[in-house]
C-alpha atoms as a PDB file:
ATOM      1  CA  MET A   1     -78.678  45.721  23.498  1.00  0.00           C
ATOM      2  CA  LYS A   2     -78.763  42.009  24.005  1.00  0.00           C
ATOM      3  CA  MET A   3     -79.418  41.567  20.321  1.00  0.00           C
ATOM      4  CA  ASN A   4     -76.256  43.621  19.365  1.00  0.00           C
ATOM      5  CA  VAL A   5     -74.158  41.408  21.716  1.00  0.00           C
ATOM      6  CA  ALA A   6     -75.495  38.342  20.189  1.00  0.00           C
ATOM      7  CA  TYR A   7     -74.804  39.503  16.660  1.00  0.00           C
ATOM      8  CA  ALA A   8     -71.283  40.386  17.626  1.00  0.00           C
ATOM      9  CA  ALA A   9     -70.548  37.017  19.235  1.00  0.00           C
ATOM     10  CA  LEU A  10     -71.965  35.247  16.102  1.00  0.00           C
ATOM     11  CA  ILE A  11     -69.875  37.274  13.692  1.00  0.00           C
ATOM     12  CA  GLY A  12     -66.718  36.637  15.767  1.00  0.00           C
ATOM     13  CA  THR A  13     -67.253  32.901  15.856  1.00  0.00           C
ATOM     14  CA  ALA A  14     -67.715  32.955  11.942  1.00  0.00           C
ATOM     15  CA  LEU A  15     -64.424  34.897  11.470  1.00  0.00           C
ATOM     16  CA  LEU A  16     -62.474  32.417  13.727  1.00  0.00           C
ATOM     17  CA  GLY A  17     -63.782  29.460  11.784  1.00  0.00           C
ATOM     18  CA  SER A  18     -62.852  31.041   8.496  1.00  0.00           C
ATOM     19  CA  ALA A  19     -59.327  31.719   9.677  1.00  0.00           C
ATOM     20  CA  ALA A  20     -58.902  28.071  10.817  1.00  0.00           C
ATOM     21  CA  LEU A  21     -60.136  26.782   7.537  1.00  0.00           C
ATOM     22  CA  ALA A  22     -57.744  29.029   5.742  1.00  0.00           C
ATOM     23  CA  GLN A  23     -54.842  27.756   7.783  1.00  0.00           C
ATOM     24  CA  GLN A  24     -55.816  24.073   7.062  1.00  0.00           C
ATOM     25  CA  SER A  25     -56.343  24.416   3.347  1.00  0.00           C
ATOM     26  CA  GLY A  26     -53.497  26.904   2.809  1.00  0.00           C
ATOM     27  CA  GLY A  27     -55.681  29.499   1.175  1.00  0.00           C
ATOM     28  CA  ALA A  28     -57.278  29.607  -2.129  1.00  0.00           C
ATOM     29  CA  GLY A  29     -54.570  31.161  -4.124  1.00  0.00           C
ATOM     30  CA  GLU A  30     -51.513  30.368  -2.028  1.00  0.00           C
ATOM     31  CA  ALA A  31     -48.950  27.638  -2.810  1.00  0.00           C
ATOM     32  CA  PRO A  32     -48.636  24.967  -0.196  1.00  0.00           C
ATOM     33  CA  ALA A  33     -45.893  25.356   2.332  1.00  0.00           C
ATOM     34  CA  PRO A  34     -42.639  23.662   1.313  1.00  0.00           C
ATOM     35  CA  ALA A  35     -41.717  20.310   2.815  1.00  0.00           C
ATOM     36  CA  ALA A  36     -38.884  20.358   5.406  1.00  0.00           C
ATOM     37  CA  GLN A  37     -35.512  19.676   3.504  1.00  0.00           C
ATOM     38  CA  PRO A  38     -33.328  16.968   4.976  1.00  0.00           C
ATOM     39  CA  ALA A  39     -30.189  18.236   6.515  1.00  0.00           C
ATOM     40  CA  GLU A  40     -26.913  18.259   4.350  1.00  0.00           C
ATOM     41  CA  THR A  41     -25.028  14.996   4.709  1.00  0.00           C
ATOM     42  CA  GLN A  42     -21.469  15.328   5.882  1.00  0.00           C
ATOM     43  CA  SER A  43     -18.737  12.863   5.437  1.00  0.00           C
ATOM     44  CA  LYS A  44     -17.883  11.173   8.673  1.00  0.00           C
ATOM     45  CA  ALA A  45     -14.265  11.181   9.887  1.00  0.00           C
ATOM     46  CA  PRO A  46     -12.574   7.692   9.510  1.00  0.00           C
ATOM     47  CA  PRO A  47     -12.719   5.832  12.833  1.00  0.00           C
ATOM     48  CA  ALA A  48      -9.585   5.524  14.903  1.00  0.00           C
ATOM     49  CA  PRO A  49      -7.466   2.401  13.884  1.00  0.00           C
ATOM     50  CA  GLY A  50      -8.252  -0.532  16.007  1.00  0.00           C
ATOM     51  CA  PRO A  51      -5.930  -3.395  17.032  1.00  0.00           C
ATOM     52  CA  GLU A  52      -6.961  -5.510  14.050  1.00  0.00           C
ATOM     53  CA  GLN A  53      -5.579  -2.889  11.659  1.00  0.00           C
ATOM     54  CA  PHE A  54      -2.021  -3.051  12.718  1.00  0.00           C
ATOM     55  CA  ILE A  55       0.449  -5.913  11.684  1.00  0.00           C
ATOM     56  CA  ASP A  56       2.969  -6.800  14.272  1.00  0.00           C
ATOM     57  CA  LYS A  57       5.249  -9.251  12.318  1.00  0.00           C
ATOM     58  CA  GLN A  58       6.270 -10.394   8.878  1.00  0.00           C
ATOM     59  CA  ASN A  59       4.611 -13.486   7.560  1.00  0.00           C
ATOM     60  CA  VAL A  60       6.482 -16.286   5.801  1.00  0.00           C
ATOM     61  CA  GLY A  61       6.121 -15.700   2.026  1.00  0.00           C
ATOM     62  CA  GLU A  62       6.429 -11.974   2.346  1.00  0.00           C
ATOM     63  CA  TRP A  63       9.423 -10.060   0.904  1.00  0.00           C
ATOM     64  CA  ARG A  64      10.923  -6.663   1.593  1.00  0.00           C
ATOM     65  CA  ALA A  65      10.311  -4.636  -1.672  1.00  0.00           C
ATOM     66  CA  PRO A  66      13.630  -2.589  -1.497  1.00  0.00           C
ATOM     67  CA  LYS A  67      15.640  -5.752  -1.169  1.00  0.00           C
ATOM     68  CA  LEU A  68      14.201  -7.097  -4.326  1.00  0.00           C
ATOM     69  CA  VAL A  69      16.098  -4.482  -6.245  1.00  0.00           C
ATOM     70  CA  GLY A  70      19.459  -5.873  -7.195  1.00  0.00           C
ATOM     71  CA  VAL A  71      18.394  -9.663  -7.313  1.00  0.00           C
ATOM     72  CA  ASP A  72      20.050 -11.399 -10.214  1.00  0.00           C
ATOM     73  CA  VAL A  73      17.843 -12.546 -13.069  1.00  0.00           C
ATOM     74  CA  TYR A  74      18.522 -15.648 -15.052  1.00  0.00           C
ATOM     75  CA  GLY A  75      17.162 -16.604 -18.485  1.00  0.00           C
ATOM     76  CA  ALA A  76      15.643 -19.863 -19.895  1.00  0.00           C
ATOM     77  CA  ASP A  77      19.168 -21.172 -20.550  1.00  0.00           C
ATOM     78  CA  ASN A  78      20.141 -20.747 -16.859  1.00  0.00           C
ATOM     79  CA  LYS A  79      22.499 -17.860 -17.768  1.00  0.00           C
ATOM     80  CA  LYS A  80      22.462 -14.462 -16.030  1.00  0.00           C
ATOM     81  CA  VAL A  81      20.690 -11.806 -18.072  1.00  0.00           C
ATOM     82  CA  GLY A  82      20.515  -8.807 -15.655  1.00  0.00           C
ATOM     83  CA  LYS A  83      19.263  -7.609 -12.367  1.00  0.00           C
ATOM     84  CA  ILE A  84      15.967  -6.407 -10.891  1.00  0.00           C
ATOM     85  CA  LYS A  85      15.970  -2.595 -11.251  1.00  0.00           C
ATOM     86  CA  ASP A  86      12.563  -1.629 -10.211  1.00  0.00           C
ATOM     87  CA  LEU A  87       9.115  -2.781  -9.218  1.00  0.00           C
ATOM     88  CA  LEU A  88       5.755  -1.045 -10.222  1.00  0.00           C
ATOM     89  CA  ILE A  89       2.697  -1.429  -8.098  1.00  0.00           C
ATOM     90  CA  ASN A  90      -0.892  -0.344  -8.646  1.00  0.00           C
ATOM     91  CA  HIS A  91      -3.137   1.532  -6.253  1.00  0.00           C
ATOM     92  CA  ASP A  92      -4.392  -1.518  -4.446  1.00  0.00           C
ATOM     93  CA  GLY A  93      -0.781  -2.581  -3.624  1.00  0.00           C
ATOM     94  CA  SER A  94      -0.415  -5.369  -6.162  1.00  0.00           C
ATOM     95  CA  ALA A  95       2.948  -5.793  -7.963  1.00  0.00           C
ATOM     96  CA  ARG A  96       2.296  -5.469 -11.682  1.00  0.00           C
ATOM     97  CA  THR A  97       5.640  -4.954 -13.453  1.00  0.00           C
ATOM     98  CA  VAL A  98       9.214  -5.840 -12.934  1.00  0.00           C
ATOM     99  CA  VAL A  99      11.957  -3.704 -14.661  1.00  0.00           C
ATOM    100  CA  ILE A 100      15.114  -5.525 -15.416  1.00  0.00           C
ATOM    101  CA  GLY A 101      18.448  -3.930 -16.244  1.00  0.00           C
ATOM    102  CA  VAL A 102      19.747  -5.950 -19.211  1.00  0.00           C
ATOM    103  CA  GLY A 103      23.261  -6.091 -20.425  1.00  0.00           C
ATOM    104  CA  GLY A 104      26.048  -3.504 -19.731  1.00  0.00           C
ATOM    105  CA  PHE A 105      28.720  -3.505 -17.050  1.00  0.00           C
ATOM    106  CA  LEU A 106      28.458  -1.319 -14.073  1.00  0.00           C
ATOM    107  CA  GLY A 107      25.503   0.266 -15.625  1.00  0.00           C
ATOM    108  CA  ILE A 108      27.239   1.234 -18.763  1.00  0.00           C
ATOM    109  CA  GLY A 109      25.107   0.423 -21.900  1.00  0.00           C
ATOM    110  CA  GLU A 110      22.315  -0.982 -19.727  1.00  0.00           C
ATOM    111  CA  LYS A 111      18.821  -1.364 -21.197  1.00  0.00           C
ATOM    112  CA  ASP A 112      15.541  -1.400 -19.188  1.00  0.00           C
ATOM    113  CA  VAL A 113      13.145  -4.257 -20.085  1.00  0.00           C
ATOM    114  CA  ALA A 114       9.883  -4.693 -18.251  1.00  0.00           C
ATOM    115  CA  VAL A 115       7.990  -7.972 -17.773  1.00  0.00           C
ATOM    116  CA  PRO A 116       4.688  -8.813 -15.942  1.00  0.00           C
ATOM    117  CA  PHE A 117       5.397  -9.789 -12.384  1.00  0.00           C
ATOM    118  CA  GLN A 118       3.432 -13.007 -12.873  1.00  0.00           C
ATOM    119  CA  SER A 119       5.959 -14.154 -15.585  1.00  0.00           C
ATOM    120  CA  VAL A 120       8.898 -14.135 -13.123  1.00  0.00           C
ATOM    121  CA  GLN A 121       9.823 -17.345 -11.083  1.00  0.00           C
ATOM    122  CA  TRP A 122      11.451 -16.783  -7.779  1.00  0.00           C
ATOM    123  CA  ARG A 123      13.805 -19.328  -6.352  1.00  0.00           C
ATOM    124  CA  THR A 124      15.622 -19.773  -3.056  1.00  0.00           C
ATOM    125  CA  GLU A 125      17.705 -22.732  -1.682  1.00  0.00           C
ATOM    126  CA  GLY A 126      17.724 -23.671   1.878  1.00  0.00           C
ATOM    127  CA  ARG A 127      20.822 -23.087   3.860  1.00  0.00           C
ATOM    128  CA  VAL A 128      22.935 -25.975   5.184  1.00  0.00           C
ATOM    129  CA  LEU A 129      22.744 -26.214   8.946  1.00  0.00           C
ATOM    130  CA  PRO A 130      26.054 -26.426  10.842  1.00  0.00           C
ATOM    131  CA  THR A 131      26.789 -29.941  12.317  1.00  0.00           C
ATOM    132  CA  GLU A 132      26.513 -29.952  16.042  1.00  0.00           C
ATOM    133  CA  ASN A 133      28.968 -32.825  16.863  1.00  0.00           C
ATOM    134  CA  PRO A 134      31.390 -33.292  13.816  1.00  0.00           C
ATOM    135  CA  THR A 135      32.690 -36.921  13.538  1.00  0.00           C
ATOM    136  CA  PRO A 136      36.372 -37.051  14.433  1.00  0.00           C
ATOM    137  CA  PRO A 137      38.650 -38.732  11.898  1.00  0.00           C
ATOM    138  CA  SER A 138      38.605 -42.461  12.544  1.00  0.00           C
ATOM    139  CA  ALA A 139      41.788 -44.584  12.999  1.00  0.00           C
ATOM    140  CA  PRO A 140      42.637 -47.297  10.396  1.00  0.00           C
ATOM    141  CA  LEU A 141      40.333 -50.167  10.702  1.00  0.00           C
ATOM    142  CA  ALA A 142      41.529 -53.697  11.405  1.00  0.00           C
ATOM    143  CA  SER A 143      40.718 -56.465   9.040  1.00  0.00           C
ATOM    144  CA  SER A 144      38.053 -57.837  11.372  1.00  0.00           C
ATOM    145  CA  GLU A 145      36.227 -54.532  11.989  1.00  0.00           C
ATOM    146  CA  GLN A 146      33.186 -53.346  10.080  1.00  0.00           C
ATOM    147  CA  PRO A 147      33.262 -49.991   8.436  1.00  0.00           C
ATOM    148  CA  PRO A 148      31.347 -47.180  10.124  1.00  0.00           C
ATOM    149  CA  SER A 149      27.920 -46.248   8.733  1.00  0.00           C
ATOM    150  CA  PRO A 150      28.003 -43.138   6.436  1.00  0.00           C
ATOM    151  CA  PRO A 151      27.078 -39.869   8.158  1.00  0.00           C
ATOM    152  CA  PRO A 152      23.483 -38.625   7.683  1.00  0.00           C
ATOM    153  CA  PRO A 153      22.835 -36.028   5.011  1.00  0.00           C
ATOM    154  CA  PRO A 154      23.196 -32.525   5.999  1.00  0.00           C
ATOM    155  CA  LYS A 155      19.985 -30.706   7.140  1.00  0.00           C
ATOM    156  CA  LYS A 156      18.817 -27.707   5.390  1.00  0.00           C
ATOM    157  CA  THR A 157      16.703 -24.715   6.451  1.00  0.00           C
ATOM    158  CA  ASP A 158      13.306 -24.265   5.047  1.00  0.00           C
ATOM    159  CA  ALA A 159      13.466 -22.139   1.742  1.00  0.00           C
ATOM    160  CA  ALA A 160      10.400 -20.037   2.615  1.00  0.00           C
ATOM    161  CA  ALA A 161      11.657 -19.187   6.025  1.00  0.00           C
ATOM    162  CA  THR A 162      15.017 -18.297   4.587  1.00  0.00           C
ATOM    163  CA  GLU A 163      13.462 -15.984   2.047  1.00  0.00           C
ATOM    164  CA  ALA A 164      11.453 -14.295   4.844  1.00  0.00           C
ATOM    165  CA  SER A 165      14.500 -13.789   7.168  1.00  0.00           C
ATOM    166  CA  GLN A 166      16.735 -12.280   4.416  1.00  0.00           C
ATOM    167  CA  GLY A 167      13.823 -10.371   2.824  1.00  0.00           C
ATOM    168  CA  TYR A 168      14.399 -11.444  -0.868  1.00  0.00           C
ATOM    169  CA  PRO A 169      14.681 -14.610  -2.868  1.00  0.00           C
ATOM    170  CA  ASP A 170      18.151 -15.819  -4.201  1.00  0.00           C
ATOM    171  CA  LYS A 171      17.345 -15.305  -7.894  1.00  0.00           C
ATOM    172  CA  ALA A 172      14.645 -14.517 -10.371  1.00  0.00           C
ATOM    173  CA  VAL A 173      14.092 -16.720 -13.581  1.00  0.00           C
ATOM    174  CA  ILE A 174      12.228 -15.614 -16.797  1.00  0.00           C
ATOM    175  CA  ALA A 175      11.470 -17.654 -19.881  1.00  0.00           C
ATOM    176  CA  ALA A 176      13.691 -15.480 -22.221  1.00  0.00           C
ATOM    177  CA  THR A 177      17.307 -15.576 -23.276  1.00  0.00           C
ATOM    178  CA  LEU A 178      19.722 -12.541 -23.147  1.00  0.00           C
ATOM    179  CA  ALA A 179      19.460 -12.162 -26.980  1.00  0.00           C
ATOM    180  CA  GLN A 180      15.613 -12.000 -26.670  1.00  0.00           C
ATOM    181  CA  LEU A 181      15.718  -9.282 -23.966  1.00  0.00           C
ATOM    182  CA  LYS A 182      18.262  -7.255 -25.953  1.00  0.00           C
ATOM    183  CA  SER A 183      15.916  -7.139 -28.905  1.00  0.00           C
ATOM    184  CA  ALA A 184      12.768  -6.409 -26.754  1.00  0.00           C
ATOM    185  CA  PRO A 185      11.463  -2.925 -26.635  1.00  0.00           C
ATOM    186  CA  GLU A 186      13.038  -0.542 -24.064  1.00  0.00           C
ATOM    187  CA  PHE A 187      10.932   0.288 -21.089  1.00  0.00           C
ATOM    188  CA  LYS A 188      10.032   3.913 -20.553  1.00  0.00           C
ATOM    189  CA  TYR A 189       8.687   5.567 -17.461  1.00  0.00           C
ATOM    190  CA  ALA A 190       5.690   7.982 -17.564  1.00  0.00           C
ATOM    191  CA  GLN A 191       6.594  11.490 -18.468  1.00  0.00           C
ATOM    192  CA  SER A 192       5.706  14.486 -16.269  1.00  0.00           C
ATOM    193  CA  PRO A 193       2.749  16.462 -17.642  1.00  0.00           C
ATOM    194  CA  LEU A 194       4.654  19.664 -16.831  1.00  0.00           C
ATOM    195  CA  ALA A 195       7.369  18.542 -19.227  1.00  0.00           C
ATOM    196  CA  GLU A 196       4.832  17.696 -21.910  1.00  0.00           C
ATOM    197  CA  ALA A 197       3.197  21.186 -21.551  1.00  0.00           C
ATOM    198  CA  ALA A 198       6.535  22.876 -21.839  1.00  0.00           C
ATOM    199  CA  GLU A 199       7.374  21.194 -25.170  1.00  0.00           C
ATOM    200  CA  PRO A 200       6.853  23.530 -28.152  1.00  0.00           C
ATOM    201  CA  ALA A 201       4.047  22.513 -30.625  1.00  0.00           C
ATOM    202  CA  PRO A 202       5.455  21.138 -33.890  1.00  0.00           C
ATOM    203  CA  GLN A 203       5.174  23.546 -36.799  1.00  0.00           C
ATOM    204  CA  ASN A 204       3.320  22.367 -39.834  1.00  0.00           C
ATOM    205  CA  ALA A 205       4.839  23.918 -43.000  1.00  0.00           C
ATOM    206  CA  ALA A 206       1.720  23.007 -45.122  1.00  0.00           C
ATOM    207  CA  THR A 207      -0.587  25.001 -42.741  1.00  0.00           C
ATOM    208  CA  GLU A 208       1.779  27.811 -41.921  1.00  0.00           C
ATOM    209  CA  ARG A 209       0.546  31.140 -43.303  1.00  0.00           C
ATOM    210  CA  PRO A 210       3.210  33.111 -45.130  1.00  0.00           C
ATOM    211  CA  GLN A 211       4.049  36.549 -43.574  1.00  0.00           C
ATOM    212  CA  PRO A 212       3.121  39.576 -45.632  1.00  0.00           C
ATOM    213  CA  LYS A 213       6.069  41.449 -47.216  1.00  0.00           C
ATOM    214  CA  SER A 214       6.861  44.726 -45.843  1.00  0.00           C
ATOM    215  CA  THR A 215       6.585  47.651 -48.497  1.00  0.00           C
ATOM    216  CA  PRO A 216       9.714  49.864 -48.905  1.00  0.00           C
END
């Protein structure tokens, strides 16, 4: 009886050891357990705007884009050639193209010509400040009196500050004459892809197959 109990205990110990070894090695014909996959990355929501992301005032040297439309454009001979009609910017906010309405009267016969923004010069004159104490007209001088000293030159406002306050420069200047602009290629805006898809495909007479004639 004692021998049977001893044999049973020995067999049970061997079975437990085999099970533990199988768990460690993964089994003879079994594939290893797959490694844990990392969790799927999710895009984080943008952080709430902080105080440094807001602008509370206009800086000197900045214009207001809508007010640039309509500014007079002068050519290399200092003659007016047209007006600013439009501005094109790219995705990073940089102004790339200036569209100028050339020629015409009240928009009649006007032609759109575009030039790079860097090729345009912008000019503004300072404004004359009003005199605080105007000099009254003096009485006729006697022969022994010295003539009064000439008045000081009038003071002007800063041109950059004037531009910022009104939101646009006084005029634009380009290195081209009116004749050169009239002979320049006309600027065309991008066409809608929906309009392009709606256009009928051109028929090619050389490749068009003749239709079979119907028999009477």
